[in-house]
Amino acid sequence: MDITGSAFVIGASGIGRSCAIAFAKAGARSLILADINLESALAVVKECQSISSNPEFRADGVEVDVTLEDSVQAVMNHAVSTFGRIDYCVNSAGVGVKIASETADANIEEFNNMLKVNTTGTFIVTRIMSAIMKAQDSHSVDPSFPGRGITRGCIVNLGSASSFVATPKMIQYTASKHAVIGITKNAALDNAAYGIRVNSVCPSWVDTPMIRKAMDNIPDLGKMIESASTSWTDCNG
C-alpha cells in the first residue's frame, strides 16, 4: 500500500526505527522522527532519506521527552509548521524492565518511572496529537484509493503482549502496558466522530535494543523468549 501523507514517529530505535524506514519506503511525503536521543533520530532520518521511494520526500529528526508536555507540544508544532499537517502518528517510545523482581520486592521508583514513560508518555502524545488532528482539515490521504476514506489522521500507540498477559517479575511493565490499551480505547471513542482513528499494536517479543537490555537484567527472559518462539514455530508449521 502506498503511504503518501506526512508521518510523525516517536522512537528512533527498534520498532520506531523500523516504522520510520517503512514510511520512507512506502512513499510518505514527509517524516518527523523524534527521540530523546537526537543523534539517533538524525541517523535514522539520514537512512530514510537514502531509501525513500518519494522523490519529494522530506524528513527531520528532533529531540523529545515524552514525559514533558511542553517538549511534546513543541516538536508537534514544529512538524505542523514544517510540513503542514500530520496524517500518521506512531508512538513507540518506551522503557523496559531494569530490575526484575516479584511483586513483594518490586521497586517503587522503577514502577513510577515505567508509568511515567510508558503510560503518561503515551497519554501526553495521544492527547496533544488528538488536538492537532482535530484542528486540521479532513481529506483523502490517497485519492487513488477511495476505500481508505476521508480522514483527519490516525494514531498508533505501541502496546505489547504484556498489555493482555503477565510475565513473572515484570509487574511494572505489565501495568504500564495494560494502561496503554485503556488510553487507546478511550481515545478511539472520543476521536471517532472527527475522523481520527486510534489503535494499538501489541507485539510479542521483538529483537530490539530494549529487549536486549531486559535480557541482561532478567536471566530467565531469554529462555522464555526462546520457548515462545518455539511454540509459535510449532503452531505455524
Protein backbone atom coordinates (compact mmCIF):
# COMPACT_ATOMS: atom_id res chain seq x y z
CA MET A 1 0.00 0.00 0.00
CA ASP A 2 1.21 3.49 -0.82
CA ILE A 3 1.55 5.85 2.16
CA THR A 4 1.51 9.34 0.73
CA GLY A 5 0.87 11.61 3.71
CA SER A 6 3.01 13.12 6.46
CA ALA A 7 4.25 10.84 9.23
CA PHE A 8 5.33 11.53 12.80
CA VAL A 9 7.20 8.74 14.61
CA ILE A 10 8.34 8.83 18.22
CA GLY A 11 11.17 6.43 18.99
CA ALA A 12 14.28 6.11 16.80
CA SER A 13 15.35 2.60 17.76
CA GLY A 14 13.79 -0.83 17.48
CA ILE A 15 10.20 -0.75 16.28
CA GLY A 16 10.16 3.05 15.88
CA ARG A 17 13.15 2.91 13.56
CA SER A 18 11.52 0.14 11.51
CA CYS A 19 8.30 2.18 11.21
CA ALA A 20 10.20 5.26 10.04
CA ILE A 21 12.01 3.24 7.39
CA ALA A 22 8.72 1.64 6.30
CA PHE A 23 7.09 5.06 5.87
CA ALA A 24 10.01 6.21 3.71
CA LYS A 25 9.89 3.09 1.55
CA ALA A 26 6.10 3.30 1.17
CA GLY A 27 6.20 6.81 -0.26
CA ALA A 28 5.45 9.14 2.64
CA ARG A 29 5.69 12.78 1.65
CA SER A 30 7.39 13.79 4.88
CA LEU A 31 8.59 12.38 8.18
CA ILE A 32 9.40 13.76 11.60
CA LEU A 33 11.34 11.31 13.76
CA ALA A 34 11.51 12.25 17.44
CA ASP A 35 13.58 10.63 20.15
CA ILE A 36 15.13 11.57 23.48
CA ASN A 37 18.45 10.86 21.76
CA LEU A 38 18.75 13.43 18.96
CA GLU A 39 21.80 11.75 17.46
CA SER A 40 19.86 8.51 16.98
CA ALA A 41 16.94 10.34 15.38
CA LEU A 42 19.19 12.16 12.91
CA ALA A 43 20.99 8.94 11.97
CA VAL A 44 17.72 7.17 11.14
CA VAL A 45 16.46 10.21 9.22
CA LYS A 46 19.57 10.05 7.05
CA GLU A 47 18.88 6.36 6.46
CA CYS A 48 15.27 7.10 5.50
CA GLN A 49 16.35 9.79 3.05
CA SER A 50 18.61 7.30 1.28
CA ILE A 51 15.86 4.72 0.69
CA SER A 52 12.72 6.86 0.22
CA SER A 53 10.57 5.98 -2.78
CA ASN A 54 9.12 9.50 -2.98
CA PRO A 55 11.34 11.97 -4.89
CA GLU A 56 9.78 14.82 -2.90
CA PHE A 57 10.41 13.16 0.47
CA ARG A 58 11.47 15.46 3.30
CA ALA A 59 12.47 14.42 6.80
CA ASP A 60 13.71 15.89 10.04
CA GLY A 61 14.97 14.47 13.33
CA VAL A 62 14.12 16.19 16.61
CA GLU A 63 14.68 15.67 20.31
CA VAL A 64 11.69 14.96 22.55
CA ASP A 65 10.96 13.86 26.10
CA VAL A 66 7.52 12.22 26.07
CA THR A 67 7.13 12.75 29.82
CA LEU A 68 7.11 16.55 29.36
CA GLU A 69 4.06 18.19 27.80
CA ASP A 70 5.99 21.25 26.62
CA SER A 71 8.55 19.06 24.85
CA VAL A 72 5.90 17.03 23.03
CA GLN A 73 3.89 20.12 22.12
CA ALA A 74 6.98 21.84 20.72
CA VAL A 75 8.01 19.02 18.39
CA MET A 76 4.45 18.51 17.15
CA ASN A 77 4.09 22.23 16.48
CA HIS A 78 7.38 22.02 14.57
CA ALA A 79 6.01 19.16 12.47
CA VAL A 80 2.86 21.06 11.57
CA SER A 81 4.67 24.32 10.82
CA THR A 82 7.22 22.48 8.67
CA PHE A 83 5.02 20.05 6.76
CA GLY A 84 1.52 21.48 7.12
CA ARG A 85 -0.18 18.56 8.84
CA ILE A 86 0.33 15.15 10.43
CA ASP A 87 -1.51 12.23 8.85
CA TYR A 88 0.08 9.35 10.75
CA CYS A 89 1.46 9.26 14.28
CA VAL A 90 3.32 6.22 15.61
CA ASN A 91 4.07 6.45 19.32
CA SER A 92 6.69 3.82 20.11
CA ALA A 93 8.66 5.49 22.90
CA GLY A 94 9.04 3.28 25.94
CA VAL A 95 11.33 1.72 28.51
CA GLY A 96 11.81 -1.86 29.65
CA VAL A 97 12.46 -3.55 32.96
CA LYS A 98 15.75 -2.76 34.67
CA ILE A 99 15.14 -4.53 37.97
CA ALA A 100 13.35 -7.88 37.74
CA SER A 101 11.57 -8.76 40.97
CA GLU A 102 8.50 -10.45 42.33
CA THR A 103 5.61 -8.25 43.39
CA ALA A 104 6.56 -8.27 47.08
CA ASP A 105 10.00 -6.92 46.23
CA ALA A 106 9.07 -4.57 43.38
CA ASN A 107 10.97 -1.29 43.25
CA ILE A 108 8.57 1.66 43.58
CA GLU A 109 10.98 4.08 41.91
CA GLU A 110 11.20 1.92 38.79
CA PHE A 111 7.43 1.34 38.87
CA ASN A 112 6.78 5.09 38.86
CA ASN A 113 9.34 5.71 36.11
CA MET A 114 7.81 2.97 33.98
CA LEU A 115 4.38 4.55 34.30
CA LYS A 116 5.84 7.99 33.63
CA VAL A 117 7.33 6.97 30.28
CA ASN A 118 5.15 4.12 29.02
CA THR A 119 1.78 5.30 30.33
CA THR A 120 1.86 9.05 30.96
CA GLY A 121 4.06 9.50 27.88
CA THR A 122 1.51 7.64 25.76
CA PHE A 123 -1.29 9.77 27.19
CA ILE A 124 0.54 13.05 26.55
CA VAL A 125 1.36 12.14 22.95
CA THR A 126 -2.18 10.88 22.29
CA ARG A 127 -3.82 13.94 23.85
CA ILE A 128 -1.72 16.54 22.03
CA MET A 129 -1.85 14.68 18.72
CA SER A 130 -5.64 14.35 19.03
CA ALA A 131 -5.95 18.13 19.40
CA ILE A 132 -3.68 18.75 16.41
CA MET A 133 -5.56 16.32 14.18
CA LYS A 134 -8.95 17.70 15.24
CA ALA A 135 -7.79 21.16 14.13
CA GLN A 136 -6.68 20.09 10.66
CA ASP A 137 -8.92 19.56 7.65
CA SER A 138 -10.18 16.10 6.81
CA HIS A 139 -9.07 14.82 3.43
CA SER A 140 -8.42 11.70 1.41
CA VAL A 141 -4.83 10.69 2.06
CA ASP A 142 -4.72 8.72 -1.19
CA PRO A 143 -7.35 9.83 -3.76
CA SER A 144 -6.41 6.87 -5.96
CA PHE A 145 -7.62 4.53 -3.21
CA PRO A 146 -11.08 5.81 -2.15
CA GLY A 147 -11.60 2.79 0.06
CA ARG A 148 -9.33 4.38 2.63
CA GLY A 149 -11.95 7.09 3.06
CA ILE A 150 -11.81 10.65 4.34
CA THR A 151 -9.77 11.16 7.48
CA ARG A 152 -8.10 13.72 9.68
CA GLY A 153 -5.39 11.26 10.65
CA CYS A 154 -4.53 8.15 12.60
CA ILE A 155 -2.63 7.46 15.80
CA VAL A 156 -0.96 4.15 16.63
CA ASN A 157 0.23 3.53 20.18
CA LEU A 158 2.71 0.76 20.81
CA GLY A 159 1.31 -1.70 23.29
CA SER A 160 2.67 -5.16 23.95
CA ALA A 161 1.66 -8.74 24.53
CA SER A 162 2.05 -7.55 28.13
CA SER A 163 -0.99 -5.35 27.51
CA PHE A 164 -3.03 -8.56 27.87
CA VAL A 165 -0.96 -11.13 29.75
CA ALA A 166 1.53 -11.00 32.61
CA THR A 167 5.16 -12.06 32.73
CA PRO A 168 6.69 -13.11 36.07
CA LYS A 169 8.80 -10.46 37.81
CA MET A 170 7.66 -7.69 35.44
CA ILE A 171 4.71 -6.15 37.29
CA GLN A 172 5.80 -2.59 36.47
CA TYR A 173 5.98 -3.24 32.72
CA THR A 174 2.74 -5.24 32.67
CA ALA A 175 0.86 -2.47 34.48
CA SER A 176 2.21 0.25 32.19
CA LYS A 177 1.29 -1.63 29.01
CA HIS A 178 -2.18 -2.62 30.23
CA ALA A 179 -2.82 1.10 30.68
CA VAL A 180 -1.83 1.81 27.07
CA ILE A 181 -4.83 -0.23 25.91
CA GLY A 182 -7.19 1.78 28.11
CA ILE A 183 -5.80 5.07 26.79
CA THR A 184 -6.10 3.86 23.21
CA LYS A 185 -9.66 2.57 23.57
CA ASN A 186 -10.91 5.79 25.14
CA ALA A 187 -9.10 7.98 22.61
CA ALA A 188 -10.57 5.91 19.78
CA LEU A 189 -14.09 6.51 21.07
CA ASP A 190 -13.52 10.22 21.67
CA ASN A 191 -11.92 10.82 18.27
CA ALA A 192 -14.13 8.67 16.04
CA ALA A 193 -16.60 11.47 15.32
CA TYR A 194 -13.76 13.61 13.96
CA GLY A 195 -12.46 11.04 11.51
CA ILE A 196 -9.39 10.23 13.61
CA ARG A 197 -8.52 6.57 14.10
CA VAL A 198 -6.65 5.48 17.22
CA ASN A 199 -5.30 1.94 17.51
CA SER A 200 -2.67 -0.01 19.36
CA VAL A 201 -0.26 -2.61 18.03
CA CYS A 202 0.66 -5.22 20.64
CA PRO A 203 3.66 -7.31 19.54
CA SER A 204 5.18 -10.15 21.50
CA TRP A 205 8.96 -10.43 21.85
CA VAL A 206 10.79 -8.41 19.21
CA ASP A 207 14.57 -8.24 18.84
CA THR A 208 15.14 -4.61 19.85
CA PRO A 209 17.73 -2.79 21.99
CA MET A 210 15.16 -2.51 24.80
CA ILE A 211 14.56 -6.27 24.87
CA ARG A 212 18.29 -6.99 24.83
CA LYS A 213 18.77 -4.74 27.87
CA ALA A 214 15.89 -6.51 29.61
CA MET A 215 17.53 -9.88 28.91
CA ASP A 216 20.66 -8.64 30.67
CA ASN A 217 18.60 -7.84 33.77
CA ILE A 218 16.28 -10.86 33.73
CA PRO A 219 18.30 -14.08 33.49
CA ASP A 220 15.31 -16.26 32.58
CA LEU A 221 13.91 -13.92 29.93
CA GLY A 222 16.00 -15.40 27.11
CA LYS A 223 14.64 -18.86 27.87
CA MET A 224 11.08 -17.51 27.93
CA ILE A 225 11.53 -15.84 24.54
CA GLU A 226 13.06 -18.98 23.08
CA SER A 227 10.16 -21.04 24.40
CA ALA A 228 7.60 -18.61 22.95
CA SER A 229 9.37 -18.62 19.59
CA THR A 230 9.45 -22.41 19.52
CA SER A 231 5.74 -22.60 20.33
CA TRP A 232 4.96 -20.12 17.54
CA THR A 233 7.03 -22.12 15.05
CA ASP A 234 5.31 -25.35 16.08
CA CYS A 235 1.86 -23.78 15.68
CA ASN A 236 2.69 -22.46 12.22
CA GLY A 237 4.42 -25.49 10.79
